[in-house]
């Protein structure tokens, strides 16, 4: 899926993420997730199958920003709305579904 994220308090926290795996996953091994660094306030996309998943700014270990909840069948389609922004530390990170990348 393609998501846009932004913080209602911080005007410099915004962007687009190509989340999850695509149709080429068996070959590419790309599984993108959204991460936040609570040390320097960065929000960014990373492939969780790479060994070096560090913040591009400060190189510290970031925290994955989990915004899906699984339903009873194991699908992750529900977006969680109360996510702490790594920059201002408030529950103002907004994530919107804008499309599919396959």
PDB file of N, CA and C in Angstrom:
ATOM      1  N   UNK A   1       0.842  -1.188   0.000  1.00  0.00           N
ATOM      2  CA  UNK A   1       0.000   0.000   0.000  1.00  0.00           C
ATOM      3  C   UNK A   1       0.881   1.244   0.000  1.00  0.00           C
ATOM      4  N   UNK A   2       0.306   2.338  -0.426  1.00  0.00           N
ATOM      5  CA  UNK A   2       0.987   3.632  -0.388  1.00  0.00           C
ATOM      6  C   UNK A   2       0.272   4.478   0.656  1.00  0.00           C
ATOM      7  N   UNK A   3       1.045   5.005   1.589  1.00  0.00           N
ATOM      8  CA  UNK A   3       0.496   5.848   2.650  1.00  0.00           C
ATOM      9  C   UNK A   3       1.203   7.195   2.658  1.00  0.00           C
ATOM     10  N   UNK A   4       0.448   8.216   3.054  1.00  0.00           N
ATOM     11  CA  UNK A   4       1.028   9.524   3.322  1.00  0.00           C
ATOM     12  C   UNK A   4       0.954   9.734   4.824  1.00  0.00           C
ATOM     13  N   UNK A   5       2.017  10.292   5.372  1.00  0.00           N
ATOM     14  CA  UNK A   5       2.019  10.564   6.802  1.00  0.00           C
ATOM     15  C   UNK A   5       2.354  12.033   7.018  1.00  0.00           C
ATOM     16  N   UNK A   6       1.806  12.565   8.101  1.00  0.00           N
ATOM     17  CA  UNK A   6       2.088  13.951   8.484  1.00  0.00           C
ATOM     18  C   UNK A   6       1.741  14.121   9.960  1.00  0.00           C
ATOM     19  N   UNK A   7       2.296  15.150  10.549  1.00  0.00           N
ATOM     20  CA  UNK A   7       1.999  15.478  11.940  1.00  0.00           C
ATOM     21  C   UNK A   7       1.202  16.770  11.948  1.00  0.00           C
ATOM     22  N   UNK A   8       0.118  16.786  12.707  1.00  0.00           N
ATOM     23  CA  UNK A   8      -0.706  17.992  12.773  1.00  0.00           C
ATOM     24  C   UNK A   8      -0.036  19.103  13.572  1.00  0.00           C
ATOM     25  N   UNK A   9       1.015  18.784  14.337  1.00  0.00           N
ATOM     26  CA  UNK A   9       1.731  19.793  15.109  1.00  0.00           C
ATOM     27  C   UNK A   9       3.040  20.226  14.458  1.00  0.00           C
ATOM     28  N   UNK A  10       3.764  19.273  13.845  1.00  0.00           N
ATOM     29  CA  UNK A  10       5.068  19.560  13.233  1.00  0.00           C
ATOM     30  C   UNK A  10       4.904  19.703  11.728  1.00  0.00           C
ATOM     31  N   UNK A  11       5.221  20.830  11.196  1.00  0.00           N
ATOM     32  CA  UNK A  11       5.063  21.051   9.759  1.00  0.00           C
ATOM     33  C   UNK A  11       6.168  20.396   8.933  1.00  0.00           C
ATOM     34  N   UNK A  12       7.287  19.983   9.556  1.00  0.00           N
ATOM     35  CA  UNK A  12       8.379  19.356   8.802  1.00  0.00           C
ATOM     36  C   UNK A  12       8.291  17.831   8.783  1.00  0.00           C
ATOM     37  N   UNK A  13       7.311  17.239   9.482  1.00  0.00           N
ATOM     38  CA  UNK A  13       7.122  15.787   9.460  1.00  0.00           C
ATOM     39  C   UNK A  13       5.999  15.466   8.482  1.00  0.00           C
ATOM     40  N   UNK A  14       6.380  15.007   7.283  1.00  0.00           N
ATOM     41  CA  UNK A  14       5.421  14.583   6.262  1.00  0.00           C
ATOM     42  C   UNK A  14       6.153  13.790   5.188  1.00  0.00           C
ATOM     43  N   UNK A  15       5.429  12.944   4.489  1.00  0.00           N
ATOM     44  CA  UNK A  15       6.044  12.172   3.425  1.00  0.00           C
ATOM     45  C   UNK A  15       5.135  11.064   2.935  1.00  0.00           C
ATOM     46  N   UNK A  16       5.679  10.235   2.046  1.00  0.00           N
ATOM     47  CA  UNK A  16       4.969   9.105   1.452  1.00  0.00           C
ATOM     48  C   UNK A  16       5.784   7.847   1.672  1.00  0.00           C
ATOM     49  N   UNK A  17       5.107   6.751   1.964  1.00  0.00           N
ATOM     50  CA  UNK A  17       5.780   5.469   2.165  1.00  0.00           C
ATOM     51  C   UNK A  17       5.111   4.408   1.301  1.00  0.00           C
ATOM     52  N   UNK A  18       5.939   3.588   0.668  1.00  0.00           N
ATOM     53  CA  UNK A  18       5.483   2.392  -0.026  1.00  0.00           C
ATOM     54  C   UNK A  18       5.596   1.258   0.988  1.00  0.00           C
ATOM     55  N   UNK A  19       4.483   0.932   1.631  1.00  0.00           N
ATOM     56  CA  UNK A  19       4.455   0.043   2.791  1.00  0.00           C
ATOM     57  C   UNK A  19       4.238  -1.411   2.374  1.00  0.00           C
ATOM     58  N   UNK A  20       4.966  -2.315   3.015  1.00  0.00           N
ATOM     59  CA  UNK A  20       4.748  -3.736   2.824  1.00  0.00           C
ATOM     60  C   UNK A  20       5.564  -4.319   1.699  1.00  0.00           C
ATOM     61  N   UNK A  21       5.055  -5.415   1.161  1.00  0.00           N
ATOM     62  CA  UNK A  21       5.750  -6.103   0.083  1.00  0.00           C
ATOM     63  C   UNK A  21       4.993  -5.919  -1.220  1.00  0.00           C
ATOM     64  N   UNK A  22       5.699  -6.062  -2.318  1.00  0.00           N
ATOM     65  CA  UNK A  22       5.075  -5.983  -3.628  1.00  0.00           C
ATOM     66  C   UNK A  22       5.046  -7.347  -4.280  1.00  0.00           C
ATOM     67  N   UNK A  23       4.605  -7.370  -5.517  1.00  0.00           N
ATOM     68  CA  UNK A  23       4.513  -8.627  -6.253  1.00  0.00           C
ATOM     69  C   UNK A  23       5.886  -9.235  -6.539  1.00  0.00           C
ATOM     70  N   UNK A  24       6.924  -8.434  -6.488  1.00  0.00           N
ATOM     71  CA  UNK A  24       8.282  -8.916  -6.750  1.00  0.00           C
ATOM     72  C   UNK A  24       8.996  -9.379  -5.468  1.00  0.00           C
ATOM     73  N   UNK A  25       8.268  -9.507  -4.364  1.00  0.00           N
ATOM     74  CA  UNK A  25       8.885  -9.839  -3.078  1.00  0.00           C
ATOM     75  C   UNK A  25       9.745 -11.098  -3.100  1.00  0.00           C
ATOM     76  N   UNK A  26       9.316 -12.192  -3.707  1.00  0.00           N
ATOM     77  CA  UNK A  26      10.186 -13.376  -3.658  1.00  0.00           C
ATOM     78  C   UNK A  26      11.581 -13.125  -4.244  1.00  0.00           C
ATOM     79  N   UNK A  27      11.664 -12.221  -5.202  1.00  0.00           N
ATOM     80  CA  UNK A  27      12.949 -11.911  -5.827  1.00  0.00           C
ATOM     81  C   UNK A  27      13.641 -10.749  -5.121  1.00  0.00           C
ATOM     82  N   UNK A  28      12.894  -9.672  -4.867  1.00  0.00           N
ATOM     83  CA  UNK A  28      13.490  -8.442  -4.333  1.00  0.00           C
ATOM     84  C   UNK A  28      13.733  -8.467  -2.826  1.00  0.00           C
ATOM     85  N   UNK A  29      12.946  -9.211  -2.074  1.00  0.00           N
ATOM     86  CA  UNK A  29      13.026  -9.260  -0.607  1.00  0.00           C
ATOM     87  C   UNK A  29      12.833  -7.875   0.029  1.00  0.00           C
ATOM     88  N   UNK A  30      12.018  -7.026  -0.618  1.00  0.00           N
ATOM     89  CA  UNK A  30      11.733  -5.698  -0.085  1.00  0.00           C
ATOM     90  C   UNK A  30      10.437  -5.758   0.716  1.00  0.00           C
ATOM     91  N   UNK A  31      10.517  -5.399   1.991  1.00  0.00           N
ATOM     92  CA  UNK A  31       9.365  -5.302   2.883  1.00  0.00           C
ATOM     93  C   UNK A  31       9.514  -3.990   3.640  1.00  0.00           C
ATOM     94  N   UNK A  32       8.931  -2.938   3.098  1.00  0.00           N
ATOM     95  CA  UNK A  32       9.077  -1.591   3.652  1.00  0.00           C
ATOM     96  C   UNK A  32       8.140  -1.368   4.827  1.00  0.00           C
ATOM     97  N   UNK A  33       8.659  -0.704   5.834  1.00  0.00           N
ATOM     98  CA  UNK A  33       7.886  -0.331   7.019  1.00  0.00           C
ATOM     99  C   UNK A  33       8.205   1.115   7.385  1.00  0.00           C
ATOM    100  N   UNK A  34       7.354   1.707   8.202  1.00  0.00           N
ATOM    101  CA  UNK A  34       7.536   3.083   8.653  1.00  0.00           C
ATOM    102  C   UNK A  34       8.232   3.071  10.007  1.00  0.00           C
ATOM    103  N   UNK A  35       9.293   3.862  10.131  1.00  0.00           N
ATOM    104  CA  UNK A  35      10.065   3.947  11.364  1.00  0.00           C
ATOM    105  C   UNK A  35      10.144   5.386  11.850  1.00  0.00           C
ATOM    106  N   UNK A  36      10.351   5.533  13.137  1.00  0.00           N
ATOM    107  CA  UNK A  36      10.558   6.835  13.728  1.00  0.00           C
ATOM    108  C   UNK A  36      11.729   6.782  14.690  1.00  0.00           C
ATOM    109  N   UNK A  37      12.521   7.821  14.686  1.00  0.00           N
ATOM    110  CA  UNK A  37      13.633   7.925  15.619  1.00  0.00           C
ATOM    111  C   UNK A  37      13.232   8.925  16.702  1.00  0.00           C
ATOM    112  N   UNK A  38      13.081   8.437  17.920  1.00  0.00           N
ATOM    113  CA  UNK A  38      12.669   9.302  19.021  1.00  0.00           C
ATOM    114  C   UNK A  38      13.848  10.053  19.644  1.00  0.00           C
ATOM    115  N   UNK A  39      15.056   9.846  19.092  1.00  0.00           N
ATOM    116  CA  UNK A  39      16.221  10.608  19.533  1.00  0.00           C
ATOM    117  C   UNK A  39      16.342  11.915  18.761  1.00  0.00           C
ATOM    118  N   UNK A  40      16.196  11.835  17.415  1.00  0.00           N
ATOM    119  CA  UNK A  40      16.365  13.055  16.616  1.00  0.00           C
ATOM    120  C   UNK A  40      15.070  13.515  15.935  1.00  0.00           C
ATOM    121  N   UNK A  41      13.985  12.719  16.026  1.00  0.00           N
ATOM    122  CA  UNK A  41      12.693  13.150  15.508  1.00  0.00           C
ATOM    123  C   UNK A  41      12.418  12.826  14.045  1.00  0.00           C
ATOM    124  N   UNK A  42      13.228  12.002  13.409  1.00  0.00           N
ATOM    125  CA  UNK A  42      13.038  11.644  12.001  1.00  0.00           C
ATOM    126  C   UNK A  42      11.955  10.573  11.837  1.00  0.00           C
ATOM    127  N   UNK A  43      11.233  10.635  10.716  1.00  0.00           N
ATOM    128  CA  UNK A  43      10.289   9.603  10.304  1.00  0.00           C
ATOM    129  C   UNK A  43      10.726   9.170   8.917  1.00  0.00           C
ATOM    130  N   UNK A  44      10.843   7.857   8.680  1.00  0.00           N
ATOM    131  CA  UNK A  44      11.384   7.385   7.410  1.00  0.00           C
ATOM    132  C   UNK A  44      10.947   5.948   7.133  1.00  0.00           C
ATOM    133  N   UNK A  45      11.150   5.533   5.889  1.00  0.00           N
ATOM    134  CA  UNK A  45      10.830   4.193   5.414  1.00  0.00           C
ATOM    135  C   UNK A  45      12.095   3.351   5.390  1.00  0.00           C
ATOM    136  N   UNK A  46      11.982   2.060   5.785  1.00  0.00           N
ATOM    137  CA  UNK A  46      13.119   1.152   5.739  1.00  0.00           C
ATOM    138  C   UNK A  46      12.646  -0.241   5.342  1.00  0.00           C
ATOM    139  N   UNK A  47      13.511  -0.960   4.649  1.00  0.00           N
ATOM    140  CA  UNK A  47      13.279  -2.357   4.317  1.00  0.00           C
ATOM    141  C   UNK A  47      13.700  -3.187   5.524  1.00  0.00           C
ATOM    142  N   UNK A  48      12.753  -3.902   6.131  1.00  0.00           N
ATOM    143  CA  UNK A  48      13.071  -4.644   7.354  1.00  0.00           C
ATOM    144  C   UNK A  48      13.930  -5.881   7.082  1.00  0.00           C
ATOM    145  N   UNK A  49      14.128  -6.241   5.834  1.00  0.00           N
ATOM    146  CA  UNK A  49      14.973  -7.389   5.510  1.00  0.00           C
ATOM    147  C   UNK A  49      16.447  -7.029   5.372  1.00  0.00           C
ATOM    148  N   UNK A  50      16.783  -5.773   5.523  1.00  0.00           N
ATOM    149  CA  UNK A  50      18.186  -5.366   5.511  1.00  0.00           C
ATOM    150  C   UNK A  50      18.726  -5.408   6.935  1.00  0.00           C
ATOM    151  N   UNK A  51      19.981  -5.735   7.063  1.00  0.00           N
ATOM    152  CA  UNK A  51      20.593  -5.852   8.393  1.00  0.00           C
ATOM    153  C   UNK A  51      20.802  -4.492   9.059  1.00  0.00           C
ATOM    154  N   UNK A  52      21.074  -3.455   8.279  1.00  0.00           N
ATOM    155  CA  UNK A  52      21.376  -2.147   8.857  1.00  0.00           C
ATOM    156  C   UNK A  52      20.150  -1.238   8.776  1.00  0.00           C
ATOM    157  N   UNK A  53      19.271  -1.357   9.772  1.00  0.00           N
ATOM    158  CA  UNK A  53      18.093  -0.504   9.844  1.00  0.00           C
ATOM    159  C   UNK A  53      18.305   0.536  10.938  1.00  0.00           C
ATOM    160  N   UNK A  54      18.991   1.586  10.588  1.00  0.00           N
ATOM    161  CA  UNK A  54      19.299   2.665  11.520  1.00  0.00           C
ATOM    162  C   UNK A  54      18.736   3.978  10.996  1.00  0.00           C
ATOM    163  N   UNK A  55      18.626   4.953  11.854  1.00  0.00           N
ATOM    164  CA  UNK A  55      18.150   6.280  11.475  1.00  0.00           C
ATOM    165  C   UNK A  55      19.138   6.907  10.490  1.00  0.00           C
ATOM    166  N   UNK A  56      18.653   7.470   9.382  1.00  0.00           N
ATOM    167  CA  UNK A  56      19.575   8.086   8.428  1.00  0.00           C
ATOM    168  C   UNK A  56      20.239   9.352   8.972  1.00  0.00           C
ATOM    169  N   UNK A  57      19.633   9.966   9.969  1.00  0.00           N
ATOM    170  CA  UNK A  57      20.150  11.212  10.538  1.00  0.00           C
ATOM    171  C   UNK A  57      21.208  10.967  11.611  1.00  0.00           C
ATOM    172  N   UNK A  58      20.831  10.213  12.657  1.00  0.00           N
ATOM    173  CA  UNK A  58      21.734  10.057  13.814  1.00  0.00           C
ATOM    174  C   UNK A  58      22.326   8.652  13.949  1.00  0.00           C
ATOM    175  N   UNK A  59      21.900   7.711  13.107  1.00  0.00           N
ATOM    176  CA  UNK A  59      22.411   6.332  13.067  1.00  0.00           C
ATOM    177  C   UNK A  59      22.052   5.496  14.300  1.00  0.00           C
ATOM    178  N   UNK A  60      21.101   5.968  15.109  1.00  0.00           N
ATOM    179  CA  UNK A  60      20.647   5.181  16.253  1.00  0.00           C
ATOM    180  C   UNK A  60      19.528   4.241  15.807  1.00  0.00           C
ATOM    181  N   UNK A  61      19.221   3.269  16.663  1.00  0.00           N
ATOM    182  CA  UNK A  61      18.186   2.292  16.332  1.00  0.00           C
ATOM    183  C   UNK A  61      16.802   2.940  16.455  1.00  0.00           C
ATOM    184  N   UNK A  62      16.023   2.914  15.369  1.00  0.00           N
ATOM    185  CA  UNK A  62      14.693   3.523  15.411  1.00  0.00           C
ATOM    186  C   UNK A  62      13.635   2.542  15.907  1.00  0.00           C
ATOM    187  N   UNK A  63      12.421   3.036  16.072  1.00  0.00           N
ATOM    188  CA  UNK A  63      11.291   2.220  16.489  1.00  0.00           C
ATOM    189  C   UNK A  63      10.316   2.132  15.315  1.00  0.00           C
ATOM    190  N   UNK A  64       9.838   0.923  15.042  1.00  0.00           N
ATOM    191  CA  UNK A  64       8.839   0.784  13.979  1.00  0.00           C
ATOM    192  C   UNK A  64       7.530   1.403  14.443  1.00  0.00           C
ATOM    193  N   UNK A  65       6.930   2.217  13.588  1.00  0.00           N
ATOM    194  CA  UNK A  65       5.654   2.856  13.890  1.00  0.00           C
ATOM    195  C   UNK A  65       4.550   1.938  13.372  1.00  0.00           C
ATOM    196  N   UNK A  66       3.979   1.167  14.269  1.00  0.00           N
ATOM    197  CA  UNK A  66       2.957   0.188  13.899  1.00  0.00           C
ATOM    198  C   UNK A  66       1.610   0.885  13.874  1.00  0.00           C
ATOM    199  N   UNK A  67       0.999   0.902  12.702  1.00  0.00           N
ATOM    200  CA  UNK A  67      -0.292   1.580  12.569  1.00  0.00           C
ATOM    201  C   UNK A  67      -1.367   0.677  11.998  1.00  0.00           C
ATOM    202  N   UNK A  68      -1.127  -0.627  11.969  1.00  0.00           N
ATOM    203  CA  UNK A  68      -2.115  -1.598  11.538  1.00  0.00           C
ATOM    204  C   UNK A  68      -2.482  -2.502  12.698  1.00  0.00           C
ATOM    205  N   UNK A  69      -3.694  -2.994  12.660  1.00  0.00           N
ATOM    206  CA  UNK A  69      -4.107  -4.034  13.589  1.00  0.00           C
ATOM    207  C   UNK A  69      -4.649  -5.185  12.763  1.00  0.00           C
ATOM    208  N   UNK A  70      -4.308  -6.402  13.162  1.00  0.00           N
ATOM    209  CA  UNK A  70      -4.791  -7.572  12.441  1.00  0.00           C
ATOM    210  C   UNK A  70      -6.222  -7.893  12.840  1.00  0.00           C
ATOM    211  N   UNK A  71      -7.016  -8.302  11.830  1.00  0.00           N
ATOM    212  CA  UNK A  71      -8.357  -8.771  12.132  1.00  0.00           C
ATOM    213  C   UNK A  71      -8.308 -10.267  12.451  1.00  0.00           C
ATOM    214  N   UNK A  72      -9.457 -10.901  12.604  1.00  0.00           N
ATOM    215  CA  UNK A  72      -9.484 -12.315  13.000  1.00  0.00           C
ATOM    216  C   UNK A  72      -8.940 -13.257  11.930  1.00  0.00           C
ATOM    217  N   UNK A  73      -8.781 -12.775  10.700  1.00  0.00           N
ATOM    218  CA  UNK A  73      -8.241 -13.596   9.613  1.00  0.00           C
ATOM    219  C   UNK A  73      -6.764 -13.343   9.356  1.00  0.00           C
ATOM    220  N   UNK A  74      -6.147 -12.430  10.098  1.00  0.00           N
ATOM    221  CA  UNK A  74      -4.730 -12.141   9.935  1.00  0.00           C
ATOM    222  C   UNK A  74      -4.428 -11.028   8.960  1.00  0.00           C
ATOM    223  N   UNK A  75      -5.462 -10.373   8.414  1.00  0.00           N
ATOM    224  CA  UNK A  75      -5.242  -9.257   7.497  1.00  0.00           C
ATOM    225  C   UNK A  75      -4.975  -7.985   8.289  1.00  0.00           C
ATOM    226  N   UNK A  76      -4.129  -7.130   7.758  1.00  0.00           N
ATOM    227  CA  UNK A  76      -3.776  -5.893   8.448  1.00  0.00           C
ATOM    228  C   UNK A  76      -4.276  -4.706   7.639  1.00  0.00           C
ATOM    229  N   UNK A  77      -5.545  -4.418   7.765  1.00  0.00           N
ATOM    230  CA  UNK A  77      -6.141  -3.350   6.977  1.00  0.00           C
ATOM    231  C   UNK A  77      -6.617  -2.168   7.805  1.00  0.00           C
ATOM    232  N   UNK A  78      -6.779  -2.324   9.099  1.00  0.00           N
ATOM    233  CA  UNK A  78      -7.282  -1.236   9.919  1.00  0.00           C
ATOM    234  C   UNK A  78      -6.148  -0.329  10.340  1.00  0.00           C
ATOM    235  N   UNK A  79      -6.277   0.941  10.081  1.00  0.00           N
ATOM    236  CA  UNK A  79      -5.231   1.898  10.435  1.00  0.00           C
ATOM    237  C   UNK A  79      -5.492   2.444  11.833  1.00  0.00           C
ATOM    238  N   UNK A  80      -4.484   2.378  12.670  1.00  0.00           N
ATOM    239  CA  UNK A  80      -4.543   2.919  14.026  1.00  0.00           C
ATOM    240  C   UNK A  80      -4.252   4.415  13.950  1.00  0.00           C
ATOM    241  N   UNK A  81      -5.042   5.235  14.614  1.00  0.00           N
ATOM    242  CA  UNK A  81      -4.912   6.678  14.429  1.00  0.00           C
ATOM    243  C   UNK A  81      -4.094   7.385  15.506  1.00  0.00           C
ATOM    244  N   UNK A  82      -3.849   6.779  16.628  1.00  0.00           N
ATOM    245  CA  UNK A  82      -3.143   7.464  17.704  1.00  0.00           C
ATOM    246  C   UNK A  82      -1.699   7.000  17.774  1.00  0.00           C
ATOM    247  N   UNK A  83      -0.841   7.631  16.965  1.00  0.00           N
ATOM    248  CA  UNK A  83       0.571   7.290  16.934  1.00  0.00           C
ATOM    249  C   UNK A  83       1.361   8.512  17.369  1.00  0.00           C
ATOM    250  N   UNK A  84       2.295   8.315  18.290  1.00  0.00           N
ATOM    251  CA  UNK A  84       3.117   9.421  18.754  1.00  0.00           C
ATOM    252  C   UNK A  84       4.079   9.870  17.670  1.00  0.00           C
ATOM    253  N   UNK A  85       4.101  11.157  17.416  1.00  0.00           N
ATOM    254  CA  UNK A  85       5.042  11.738  16.470  1.00  0.00           C
ATOM    255  C   UNK A  85       6.435  11.710  17.112  1.00  0.00           C
ATOM    256  N   UNK A  86       7.446  11.170  16.412  1.00  0.00           N
ATOM    257  CA  UNK A  86       8.795  11.130  16.986  1.00  0.00           C
ATOM    258  C   UNK A  86       9.407  12.509  17.215  1.00  0.00           C
ATOM    259  N   UNK A  87       8.922  13.513  16.511  1.00  0.00           N
ATOM    260  CA  UNK A  87       9.496  14.850  16.650  1.00  0.00           C
ATOM    261  C   UNK A  87       8.926  15.603  17.852  1.00  0.00           C
ATOM    262  N   UNK A  88       7.596  15.703  17.941  1.00  0.00           N
ATOM    263  CA  UNK A  88       6.996  16.486  19.030  1.00  0.00           C
ATOM    264  C   UNK A  88       6.481  15.622  20.176  1.00  0.00           C
ATOM    265  N   UNK A  89       6.526  14.280  20.009  1.00  0.00           N
ATOM    266  CA  UNK A  89       6.151  13.305  21.047  1.00  0.00           C
ATOM    267  C   UNK A  89       4.679  13.367  21.445  1.00  0.00           C
ATOM    268  N   UNK A  90       3.803  13.831  20.546  1.00  0.00           N
ATOM    269  CA  UNK A  90       2.365  13.836  20.808  1.00  0.00           C
ATOM    270  C   UNK A  90       1.681  12.855  19.871  1.00  0.00           C
ATOM    271  N   UNK A  91       0.452  12.497  20.163  1.00  0.00           N
ATOM    272  CA  UNK A  91      -0.304  11.550  19.338  1.00  0.00           C
ATOM    273  C   UNK A  91      -0.930  12.256  18.151  1.00  0.00           C
ATOM    274  N   UNK A  92      -0.100  12.886  17.341  1.00  0.00           N
ATOM    275  CA  UNK A  92      -0.600  13.671  16.221  1.00  0.00           C
ATOM    276  C   UNK A  92      -0.142  13.177  14.862  1.00  0.00           C
ATOM    277  N   UNK A  93       0.450  11.981  14.773  1.00  0.00           N
ATOM    278  CA  UNK A  93       0.903  11.474  13.486  1.00  0.00           C
ATOM    279  C   UNK A  93      -0.304  10.912  12.738  1.00  0.00           C
ATOM    280  N   UNK A  94      -0.574  11.485  11.573  1.00  0.00           N
ATOM    281  CA  UNK A  94      -1.719  11.104  10.761  1.00  0.00           C
ATOM    282  C   UNK A  94      -1.225  10.275   9.588  1.00  0.00           C
ATOM    283  N   UNK A  95      -1.828   9.104   9.380  1.00  0.00           N
ATOM    284  CA  UNK A  95      -1.447   8.220   8.290  1.00  0.00           C
ATOM    285  C   UNK A  95      -2.686   7.945   7.450  1.00  0.00           C
ATOM    286  N   UNK A  96      -2.578   8.237   6.147  1.00  0.00           N
ATOM    287  CA  UNK A  96      -3.709   8.084   5.244  1.00  0.00           C
ATOM    288  C   UNK A  96      -3.352   7.145   4.106  1.00  0.00           C
ATOM    289  N   UNK A  97      -4.277   6.282   3.740  1.00  0.00           N
ATOM    290  CA  UNK A  97      -4.118   5.359   2.631  1.00  0.00           C
ATOM    291  C   UNK A  97      -4.376   6.130   1.336  1.00  0.00           C
ATOM    292  N   UNK A  98      -3.387   6.120   0.416  1.00  0.00           N
ATOM    293  CA  UNK A  98      -3.547   6.858  -0.841  1.00  0.00           C
ATOM    294  C   UNK A  98      -3.438   5.983  -2.081  1.00  0.00           C
ATOM    295  N   UNK A  99      -3.180   4.679  -1.926  1.00  0.00           N
ATOM    296  CA  UNK A  99      -3.127   3.834  -3.110  1.00  0.00           C
ATOM    297  C   UNK A  99      -2.423   2.520  -2.891  1.00  0.00           C
ATOM    298  N   UNK A 100      -2.271   1.792  -3.995  1.00  0.00           N
ATOM    299  CA  UNK A 100      -1.612   0.497  -3.987  1.00  0.00           C
ATOM    300  C   UNK A 100      -0.428   0.562  -4.941  1.00  0.00           C
ATOM    301  N   UNK A 101       0.717   0.017  -4.552  1.00  0.00           N
ATOM    302  CA  UNK A 101       1.926   0.143  -5.373  1.00  0.00           C
ATOM    303  C   UNK A 101       2.195  -1.052  -6.266  1.00  0.00           C
ATOM    304  N   UNK A 102       1.287  -2.004  -6.359  1.00  0.00           N
ATOM    305  CA  UNK A 102       1.465  -3.120  -7.290  1.00  0.00           C
ATOM    306  C   UNK A 102       0.664  -2.880  -8.547  1.00  0.00           C
TER     307      UNK A 102
END
